PDB file of N, CA and C in Angstrom:
ATOM      1  N   MET A   1     -28.789 -24.883 -10.982  1.00  0.00           N
ATOM      2  CA  MET A   1     -27.499 -25.331 -10.575  1.00  0.00           C
ATOM      3  C   MET A   1     -26.894 -24.269  -9.743  1.00  0.00           C
ATOM      4  N   PRO A   2     -26.462 -24.539  -8.531  1.00  0.00           N
ATOM      5  CA  PRO A   2     -25.897 -23.638  -7.534  1.00  0.00           C
ATOM      6  C   PRO A   2     -24.468 -23.328  -8.011  1.00  0.00           C
ATOM      7  N   PHE A   3     -23.988 -22.155  -7.739  1.00  0.00           N
ATOM      8  CA  PHE A   3     -22.607 -21.628  -8.061  1.00  0.00           C
ATOM      9  C   PHE A   3     -21.740 -22.298  -6.978  1.00  0.00           C
ATOM     10  N   GLU A   4     -20.648 -22.884  -7.517  1.00  0.00           N
ATOM     11  CA  GLU A   4     -19.645 -23.417  -6.571  1.00  0.00           C
ATOM     12  C   GLU A   4     -18.334 -22.837  -6.991  1.00  0.00           C
ATOM     13  N   PRO A   5     -17.842 -21.939  -6.173  1.00  0.00           N
ATOM     14  CA  PRO A   5     -16.536 -21.271  -6.525  1.00  0.00           C
ATOM     15  C   PRO A   5     -15.407 -22.233  -6.462  1.00  0.00           C
ATOM     16  N   ASN A   6     -14.476 -22.088  -7.334  1.00  0.00           N
ATOM     17  CA  ASN A   6     -13.248 -22.937  -7.354  1.00  0.00           C
ATOM     18  C   ASN A   6     -12.190 -22.194  -6.544  1.00  0.00           C
ATOM     19  N   ASP A   7     -12.062 -22.548  -5.190  1.00  0.00           N
ATOM     20  CA  ASP A   7     -11.154 -21.792  -4.369  1.00  0.00           C
ATOM     21  C   ASP A   7      -9.702 -21.847  -4.769  1.00  0.00           C
ATOM     22  N   SER A   8      -9.275 -22.937  -5.269  1.00  0.00           N
ATOM     23  CA  SER A   8      -7.860 -23.009  -5.677  1.00  0.00           C
ATOM     24  C   SER A   8      -7.590 -22.073  -6.832  1.00  0.00           C
ATOM     25  N   PHE A   9      -8.587 -21.876  -7.773  1.00  0.00           N
ATOM     26  CA  PHE A   9      -8.427 -20.977  -8.962  1.00  0.00           C
ATOM     27  C   PHE A   9      -8.324 -19.502  -8.310  1.00  0.00           C
ATOM     28  N   PHE A  10      -9.198 -19.111  -7.454  1.00  0.00           N
ATOM     29  CA  PHE A  10      -9.008 -17.786  -6.895  1.00  0.00           C
ATOM     30  C   PHE A  10      -7.864 -17.564  -6.024  1.00  0.00           C
ATOM     31  N   SER A  11      -7.343 -18.562  -5.357  1.00  0.00           N
ATOM     32  CA  SER A  11      -6.151 -18.479  -4.572  1.00  0.00           C
ATOM     33  C   SER A  11      -4.940 -18.336  -5.515  1.00  0.00           C
ATOM     34  N   GLU A  12      -4.928 -19.068  -6.630  1.00  0.00           N
ATOM     35  CA  GLU A  12      -3.871 -18.975  -7.581  1.00  0.00           C
ATOM     36  C   GLU A  12      -3.757 -17.553  -8.237  1.00  0.00           C
ATOM     37  N   ILE A  13      -4.874 -16.960  -8.495  1.00  0.00           N
ATOM     38  CA  ILE A  13      -4.942 -15.625  -9.048  1.00  0.00           C
ATOM     39  C   ILE A  13      -4.541 -14.643  -7.957  1.00  0.00           C
ATOM     40  N   GLY A  14      -5.047 -14.776  -6.751  1.00  0.00           N
ATOM     41  CA  GLY A  14      -4.725 -13.868  -5.711  1.00  0.00           C
ATOM     42  C   GLY A  14      -3.270 -13.788  -5.223  1.00  0.00           C
ATOM     43  N   THR A  15      -2.578 -14.919  -5.483  1.00  0.00           N
ATOM     44  CA  THR A  15      -1.178 -14.964  -5.055  1.00  0.00           C
ATOM     45  C   THR A  15      -0.265 -14.983  -6.211  1.00  0.00           C
ATOM     46  N   GLY A  16      -0.730 -14.906  -7.457  1.00  0.00           N
ATOM     47  CA  GLY A  16       0.121 -14.900  -8.654  1.00  0.00           C
ATOM     48  C   GLY A  16       0.932 -13.675  -8.831  1.00  0.00           C
ATOM     49  N   PRO A  17       1.998 -13.838  -9.535  1.00  0.00           N
ATOM     50  CA  PRO A  17       2.986 -12.736  -9.674  1.00  0.00           C
ATOM     51  C   PRO A  17       2.439 -11.485 -10.388  1.00  0.00           C
ATOM     52  N   GLU A  18       1.517 -11.753 -11.344  1.00  0.00           N
ATOM     53  CA  GLU A  18       0.937 -10.610 -12.129  1.00  0.00           C
ATOM     54  C   GLU A  18       0.158  -9.700 -11.228  1.00  0.00           C
ATOM     55  N   LEU A  19      -0.746 -10.254 -10.471  1.00  0.00           N
ATOM     56  CA  LEU A  19      -1.619  -9.470  -9.652  1.00  0.00           C
ATOM     57  C   LEU A  19      -0.800  -8.828  -8.458  1.00  0.00           C
ATOM     58  N   THR A  20       0.140  -9.518  -8.001  1.00  0.00           N
ATOM     59  CA  THR A  20       0.999  -9.000  -6.921  1.00  0.00           C
ATOM     60  C   THR A  20       1.803  -7.836  -7.486  1.00  0.00           C
ATOM     61  N   GLN A  21       2.292  -7.939  -8.705  1.00  0.00           N
ATOM     62  CA  GLN A  21       3.067  -6.760  -9.246  1.00  0.00           C
ATOM     63  C   GLN A  21       2.106  -5.578  -9.550  1.00  0.00           C
ATOM     64  N   MET A  22       0.914  -5.848  -9.858  1.00  0.00           N
ATOM     65  CA  MET A  22      -0.003  -4.667 -10.131  1.00  0.00           C
ATOM     66  C   MET A  22      -0.275  -4.060  -8.786  1.00  0.00           C
ATOM     67  N   CYS A  23      -0.313  -4.747  -7.650  1.00  0.00           N
ATOM     68  CA  CYS A  23      -0.586  -4.115  -6.371  1.00  0.00           C
ATOM     69  C   CYS A  23       0.656  -3.351  -5.990  1.00  0.00           C
ATOM     70  N   VAL A  24       1.800  -3.892  -6.199  1.00  0.00           N
ATOM     71  CA  VAL A  24       3.129  -3.297  -5.859  1.00  0.00           C
ATOM     72  C   VAL A  24       3.180  -1.960  -6.632  1.00  0.00           C
ATOM     73  N   ASP A  25       2.909  -1.959  -7.950  1.00  0.00           N
ATOM     74  CA  ASP A  25       3.024  -0.831  -8.797  1.00  0.00           C
ATOM     75  C   ASP A  25       2.127   0.366  -8.297  1.00  0.00           C
ATOM     76  N   LYS A  26       0.864   0.041  -7.883  1.00  0.00           N
ATOM     77  CA  LYS A  26      -0.050   0.964  -7.396  1.00  0.00           C
ATOM     78  C   LYS A  26       0.399   1.465  -5.994  1.00  0.00           C
ATOM     79  N   ALA A  27       0.926   0.651  -5.177  1.00  0.00           N
ATOM     80  CA  ALA A  27       1.422   1.098  -3.900  1.00  0.00           C
ATOM     81  C   ALA A  27       2.708   1.958  -4.025  1.00  0.00           C
ATOM     82  N   GLU A  28       3.539   1.697  -5.056  1.00  0.00           N
ATOM     83  CA  GLU A  28       4.635   2.593  -5.272  1.00  0.00           C
ATOM     84  C   GLU A  28       4.301   3.940  -5.714  1.00  0.00           C
ATOM     85  N   GLN A  29       3.175   4.042  -6.472  1.00  0.00           N
ATOM     86  CA  GLN A  29       2.607   5.390  -6.753  1.00  0.00           C
ATOM     87  C   GLN A  29       2.154   6.082  -5.611  1.00  0.00           C
ATOM     88  N   ILE A  30       1.450   5.376  -4.722  1.00  0.00           N
ATOM     89  CA  ILE A  30       1.060   6.053  -3.464  1.00  0.00           C
ATOM     90  C   ILE A  30       2.272   6.493  -2.586  1.00  0.00           C
ATOM     91  N   ARG A  31       3.254   5.529  -2.453  1.00  0.00           N
ATOM     92  CA  ARG A  31       4.427   5.836  -1.698  1.00  0.00           C
ATOM     93  C   ARG A  31       5.134   7.116  -2.262  1.00  0.00           C
ATOM     94  N   SER A  32       5.292   7.117  -3.497  1.00  0.00           N
ATOM     95  CA  SER A  32       5.944   8.286  -4.194  1.00  0.00           C
ATOM     96  C   SER A  32       5.244   9.603  -3.866  1.00  0.00           C
ATOM     97  N   ALA A  33       3.898   9.553  -3.923  1.00  0.00           N
ATOM     98  CA  ALA A  33       3.064  10.723  -3.712  1.00  0.00           C
ATOM     99  C   ALA A  33       3.190  11.144  -2.230  1.00  0.00           C
ATOM    100  N   ALA A  34       3.157  10.168  -1.333  1.00  0.00           N
ATOM    101  CA  ALA A  34       3.320  10.459   0.137  1.00  0.00           C
ATOM    102  C   ALA A  34       4.690  11.045   0.408  1.00  0.00           C
ATOM    103  N   VAL A  35       5.740  10.567  -0.142  1.00  0.00           N
ATOM    104  CA  VAL A  35       7.129  11.043   0.131  1.00  0.00           C
ATOM    105  C   VAL A  35       7.179  12.472  -0.445  1.00  0.00           C
ATOM    106  N   SER A  36       6.654  12.663  -1.621  1.00  0.00           N
ATOM    107  CA  SER A  36       6.768  14.032  -2.173  1.00  0.00           C
ATOM    108  C   SER A  36       6.075  15.066  -1.346  1.00  0.00           C
ATOM    109  N   SER A  37       4.912  14.699  -0.652  1.00  0.00           N
ATOM    110  CA  SER A  37       4.223  15.659   0.158  1.00  0.00           C
ATOM    111  C   SER A  37       4.453  15.548   1.675  1.00  0.00           C
ATOM    112  N   ALA A  38       5.313  14.741   2.040  1.00  0.00           N
ATOM    113  CA  ALA A  38       5.581  14.544   3.495  1.00  0.00           C
ATOM    114  C   ALA A  38       6.232  15.761   4.112  1.00  0.00           C
ATOM    115  N   PRO A  39       5.796  16.101   5.297  1.00  0.00           N
ATOM    116  CA  PRO A  39       6.384  17.132   6.071  1.00  0.00           C
ATOM    117  C   PRO A  39       7.798  16.737   6.558  1.00  0.00           C
ATOM    118  N   VAL A  40       8.726  17.670   6.523  1.00  0.00           N
ATOM    119  CA  VAL A  40      10.064  17.296   6.831  1.00  0.00           C
ATOM    120  C   VAL A  40      10.491  18.142   8.084  1.00  0.00           C
ATOM    121  N   ASP A  41      10.870  17.463   9.148  1.00  0.00           N
ATOM    122  CA  ASP A  41      11.436  17.992  10.305  1.00  0.00           C
ATOM    123  C   ASP A  41      12.918  17.557  10.338  1.00  0.00           C
ATOM    124  N   SER A  42      12.967  16.283  10.724  1.00  0.00           N
ATOM    125  CA  SER A  42      14.306  15.471  10.682  1.00  0.00           C
ATOM    126  C   SER A  42      14.452  14.642   9.456  1.00  0.00           C
ATOM    127  N   GLY A  43      13.316  14.385   8.738  1.00  0.00           N
ATOM    128  CA  GLY A  43      13.408  13.573   7.613  1.00  0.00           C
ATOM    129  C   GLY A  43      13.187  12.100   7.936  1.00  0.00           C
ATOM    130  N   ALA A  44      13.027  11.816   9.217  1.00  0.00           N
ATOM    131  CA  ALA A  44      12.816  10.357   9.598  1.00  0.00           C
ATOM    132  C   ALA A  44      11.505   9.827   9.065  1.00  0.00           C
ATOM    133  N   TYR A  45      10.466  10.620   9.218  1.00  0.00           N
ATOM    134  CA  TYR A  45       9.123  10.100   8.754  1.00  0.00           C
ATOM    135  C   TYR A  45       9.195   9.907   7.273  1.00  0.00           C
ATOM    136  N   LYS A  46       9.587  10.832   6.507  1.00  0.00           N
ATOM    137  CA  LYS A  46       9.713  10.805   5.027  1.00  0.00           C
ATOM    138  C   LYS A  46      10.524   9.541   4.626  1.00  0.00           C
ATOM    139  N   GLY A  47      11.667   9.352   5.264  1.00  0.00           N
ATOM    140  CA  GLY A  47      12.540   8.235   4.876  1.00  0.00           C
ATOM    141  C   GLY A  47      11.986   6.872   5.290  1.00  0.00           C
ATOM    142  N   SER A  48      11.016   6.937   6.202  1.00  0.00           N
ATOM    143  CA  SER A  48      10.495   5.582   6.663  1.00  0.00           C
ATOM    144  C   SER A  48       9.287   5.114   5.808  1.00  0.00           C
ATOM    145  N   ILE A  49       8.877   5.869   4.900  1.00  0.00           N
ATOM    146  CA  ILE A  49       7.758   5.382   4.002  1.00  0.00           C
ATOM    147  C   ILE A  49       8.132   4.400   2.988  1.00  0.00           C
ATOM    148  N   THR A  50       7.604   3.156   3.129  1.00  0.00           N
ATOM    149  CA  THR A  50       8.032   2.138   2.297  1.00  0.00           C
ATOM    150  C   THR A  50       6.751   1.264   1.780  1.00  0.00           C
ATOM    151  N   VAL A  51       7.069   0.412   0.845  1.00  0.00           N
ATOM    152  CA  VAL A  51       6.027  -0.548   0.291  1.00  0.00           C
ATOM    153  C   VAL A  51       6.457  -2.000   0.682  1.00  0.00           C
ATOM    154  N   LYS A  52       5.554  -2.784   1.291  1.00  0.00           N
ATOM    155  CA  LYS A  52       5.808  -4.130   1.704  1.00  0.00           C
ATOM    156  C   LYS A  52       4.773  -5.000   1.087  1.00  0.00           C
ATOM    157  N   VAL A  53       5.174  -6.216   0.700  1.00  0.00           N
ATOM    158  CA  VAL A  53       4.086  -7.123   0.276  1.00  0.00           C
ATOM    159  C   VAL A  53       3.882  -8.073   1.431  1.00  0.00           C
ATOM    160  N   LYS A  54       2.589  -8.227   1.751  1.00  0.00           N
ATOM    161  CA  LYS A  54       2.095  -9.121   2.732  1.00  0.00           C
ATOM    162  C   LYS A  54       1.453 -10.325   1.989  1.00  0.00           C
ATOM    163  N   ARG A  55       1.852 -11.572   2.364  1.00  0.00           N
ATOM    164  CA  ARG A  55       1.420 -12.753   1.709  1.00  0.00           C
ATOM    165  C   ARG A  55       0.566 -13.554   2.655  1.00  0.00           C
ATOM    166  N   SER A  56      -0.465 -14.129   2.109  1.00  0.00           N
ATOM    167  CA  SER A  56      -1.251 -15.130   2.847  1.00  0.00           C
ATOM    168  C   SER A  56      -1.538 -16.248   1.877  1.00  0.00           C
ATOM    169  N   ALA A  57      -2.259 -17.223   2.368  1.00  0.00           N
ATOM    170  CA  ALA A  57      -2.439 -18.407   1.462  1.00  0.00           C
ATOM    171  C   ALA A  57      -3.473 -18.116   0.396  1.00  0.00           C
ATOM    172  N   ARG A  58      -4.309 -17.107   0.462  1.00  0.00           N
ATOM    173  CA  ARG A  58      -5.331 -16.831  -0.532  1.00  0.00           C
ATOM    174  C   ARG A  58      -5.058 -15.573  -1.381  1.00  0.00           C
ATOM    175  N   ARG A  59      -4.262 -14.711  -0.838  1.00  0.00           N
ATOM    176  CA  ARG A  59      -3.921 -13.411  -1.627  1.00  0.00           C
ATOM    177  C   ARG A  59      -2.743 -12.749  -1.077  1.00  0.00           C
ATOM    178  N   ASN A  60      -2.128 -11.902  -1.957  1.00  0.00           N
ATOM    179  CA  ASN A  60      -1.091 -11.016  -1.612  1.00  0.00           C
ATOM    180  C   ASN A  60      -1.541  -9.645  -1.741  1.00  0.00           C
ATOM    181  N   VAL A  61      -1.153  -8.773  -0.881  1.00  0.00           N
ATOM    182  CA  VAL A  61      -1.456  -7.409  -0.873  1.00  0.00           C
ATOM    183  C   VAL A  61      -0.109  -6.553  -0.755  1.00  0.00           C
ATOM    184  N   ALA A  62      -0.155  -5.318  -1.345  1.00  0.00           N
ATOM    185  CA  ALA A  62       0.953  -4.409  -1.152  1.00  0.00           C
ATOM    186  C   ALA A  62       0.464  -3.312  -0.149  1.00  0.00           C
ATOM    187  N   VAL A  63       1.375  -3.050   0.879  1.00  0.00           N
ATOM    188  CA  VAL A  63       0.996  -2.148   1.834  1.00  0.00           C
ATOM    189  C   VAL A  63       2.006  -0.959   1.833  1.00  0.00           C
ATOM    190  N   VAL A  64       1.513   0.297   1.958  1.00  0.00           N
ATOM    191  CA  VAL A  64       2.426   1.467   2.090  1.00  0.00           C
ATOM    192  C   VAL A  64       2.371   1.869   3.653  1.00  0.00           C
ATOM    193  N   GLU A  65       3.499   1.840   4.192  1.00  0.00           N
ATOM    194  CA  GLU A  65       3.554   2.060   5.651  1.00  0.00           C
ATOM    195  C   GLU A  65       4.701   2.998   5.946  1.00  0.00           C
ATOM    196  N   ALA A  66       4.577   3.751   7.084  1.00  0.00           N
ATOM    197  CA  ALA A  66       5.711   4.596   7.600  1.00  0.00           C
ATOM    198  C   ALA A  66       6.063   3.972   8.992  1.00  0.00           C
ATOM    199  N   SER A  67       7.331   3.742   9.159  1.00  0.00           N
ATOM    200  CA  SER A  67       7.739   3.039  10.307  1.00  0.00           C
ATOM    201  C   SER A  67       8.400   3.911  11.382  1.00  0.00           C
ATOM    202  N   ASP A  68       8.473   5.219  11.071  1.00  0.00           N
ATOM    203  CA  ASP A  68       8.988   6.175  12.120  1.00  0.00           C
ATOM    204  C   ASP A  68       8.083   6.189  13.351  1.00  0.00           C
ATOM    205  N   PRO A  69       8.616   6.146  14.480  1.00  0.00           N
ATOM    206  CA  PRO A  69       7.767   6.148  15.746  1.00  0.00           C
ATOM    207  C   PRO A  69       6.733   7.354  15.815  1.00  0.00           C
ATOM    208  N   LYS A  70       6.965   8.341  15.106  1.00  0.00           N
ATOM    209  CA  LYS A  70       6.058   9.481  15.081  1.00  0.00           C
ATOM    210  C   LYS A  70       5.031   9.518  13.966  1.00  0.00           C
ATOM    211  N   SER A  71       5.067   8.453  13.177  1.00  0.00           N
ATOM    212  CA  SER A  71       4.175   8.372  11.940  1.00  0.00           C
ATOM    213  C   SER A  71       2.780   8.506  12.340  1.00  0.00           C
ATOM    214  N   LEU A  72       2.250   7.879  13.265  1.00  0.00           N
ATOM    215  CA  LEU A  72       0.926   7.992  13.625  1.00  0.00           C
ATOM    216  C   LEU A  72       0.386   9.445  13.973  1.00  0.00           C
ATOM    217  N   LEU A  73       1.270  10.044  14.811  1.00  0.00           N
ATOM    218  CA  LEU A  73       1.113  11.475  15.197  1.00  0.00           C
ATOM    219  C   LEU A  73       1.115  12.355  13.895  1.00  0.00           C
ATOM    220  N   ILE A  74       2.078  12.254  13.066  1.00  0.00           N
ATOM    221  CA  ILE A  74       2.237  12.988  11.870  1.00  0.00           C
ATOM    222  C   ILE A  74       1.024  12.784  10.943  1.00  0.00           C
ATOM    223  N   GLU A  75       0.614  11.453  10.741  1.00  0.00           N
ATOM    224  CA  GLU A  75      -0.508  11.282   9.864  1.00  0.00           C
ATOM    225  C   GLU A  75      -1.857  11.860  10.467  1.00  0.00           C
ATOM    226  N   SER A  76      -1.971  11.808  11.779  1.00  0.00           N
ATOM    227  CA  SER A  76      -3.238  12.268  12.459  1.00  0.00           C
ATOM    228  C   SER A  76      -3.326  13.813  12.282  1.00  0.00           C
ATOM    229  N   ARG A  77      -2.144  14.478  12.162  1.00  0.00           N
ATOM    230  CA  ARG A  77      -2.115  15.945  12.028  1.00  0.00           C
ATOM    231  C   ARG A  77      -2.175  16.448  10.579  1.00  0.00           C
ATOM    232  N   THR A  78      -1.602  15.643   9.661  1.00  0.00           N
ATOM    233  CA  THR A  78      -1.451  16.087   8.382  1.00  0.00           C
ATOM    234  C   THR A  78      -2.323  15.360   7.337  1.00  0.00           C
ATOM    235  N   GLY A  79      -2.615  14.047   7.587  1.00  0.00           N
ATOM    236  CA  GLY A  79      -3.401  13.272   6.652  1.00  0.00           C
ATOM    237  C   GLY A  79      -2.571  13.019   5.366  1.00  0.00           C
ATOM    238  N   ASN A  80      -1.215  13.031   5.502  1.00  0.00           N
ATOM    239  CA  ASN A  80      -0.324  12.823   4.283  1.00  0.00           C
ATOM    240  C   ASN A  80      -0.715  11.593   3.496  1.00  0.00           C
ATOM    241  N   MET A  81      -0.718  10.400   4.134  1.00  0.00           N
ATOM    242  CA  MET A  81      -0.915   9.179   3.461  1.00  0.00           C
ATOM    243  C   MET A  81      -2.300   9.082   2.822  1.00  0.00           C
ATOM    244  N   ALA A  82      -3.344   9.587   3.565  1.00  0.00           N
ATOM    245  CA  ALA A  82      -4.707   9.667   2.990  1.00  0.00           C
ATOM    246  C   ALA A  82      -4.784  10.499   1.824  1.00  0.00           C
ATOM    247  N   ARG A  83      -4.119  11.580   1.865  1.00  0.00           N
ATOM    248  CA  ARG A  83      -4.108  12.442   0.660  1.00  0.00           C
ATOM    249  C   ARG A  83      -3.427  11.754  -0.503  1.00  0.00           C
ATOM    250  N   ALA A  84      -2.321  11.052  -0.342  1.00  0.00           N
ATOM    251  CA  ALA A  84      -1.620  10.409  -1.351  1.00  0.00           C
ATOM    252  C   ALA A  84      -2.537   9.304  -1.928  1.00  0.00           C
ATOM    253  N   VAL A  85      -3.220   8.663  -1.216  1.00  0.00           N
ATOM    254  CA  VAL A  85      -4.138   7.572  -1.662  1.00  0.00           C
ATOM    255  C   VAL A  85      -5.220   8.171  -2.482  1.00  0.00           C
ATOM    256  N   ARG A  86      -5.801   9.294  -2.066  1.00  0.00           N
ATOM    257  CA  ARG A  86      -6.866   9.967  -2.793  1.00  0.00           C
ATOM    258  C   ARG A  86      -6.304  10.569  -4.174  1.00  0.00           C
ATOM    259  N   GLY A  87      -5.111  11.074  -4.084  1.00  0.00           N
ATOM    260  CA  GLY A  87      -4.512  11.625  -5.277  1.00  0.00           C
ATOM    261  C   GLY A  87      -4.238  10.643  -6.401  1.00  0.00           C
ATOM    262  N   VAL A  88      -3.788   9.414  -5.949  1.00  0.00           N
ATOM    263  CA  VAL A  88      -3.462   8.287  -6.905  1.00  0.00           C
ATOM    264  C   VAL A  88      -4.784   7.755  -7.363  1.00  0.00           C
ATOM    265  N   LYS A  89      -5.823   7.680  -6.520  1.00  0.00           N
ATOM    266  CA  LYS A  89      -7.113   7.206  -6.969  1.00  0.00           C
ATOM    267  C   LYS A  89      -7.719   8.016  -7.973  1.00  0.00           C
ATOM    268  N   ARG A  90      -7.686   9.327  -7.911  1.00  0.00           N
ATOM    269  CA  ARG A  90      -8.178  10.234  -8.890  1.00  0.00           C
ATOM    270  C   ARG A  90      -7.464  10.215 -10.226  1.00  0.00           C
ATOM    271  N   GLY A  91      -6.156   9.858 -10.124  1.00  0.00           N
ATOM    272  CA  GLY A  91      -5.446   9.720 -11.370  1.00  0.00           C
ATOM    273  C   GLY A  91      -4.676  10.911 -11.578  1.00  0.00           C
TER     274      GLY A  91
END
């Protein structure tokens, strides 16, 4: 008997409030770590680090992003967000 996944079941789980909240909670830990270790010149980069929920038909994800125009440059030089992710992952 071949396996036939129940797509509606997986979509329901992937977009459900419990799983979405788990993603937001983990993203908030990463955001907090990134803010605490962010380099500060004007404070714009540090203040622009936020968590957003991105929704689709099959799943919701939480994204940590920095919206300051210099974020890409700062991240490429410091690796701040990458360090924050690794730090939270290690526990």
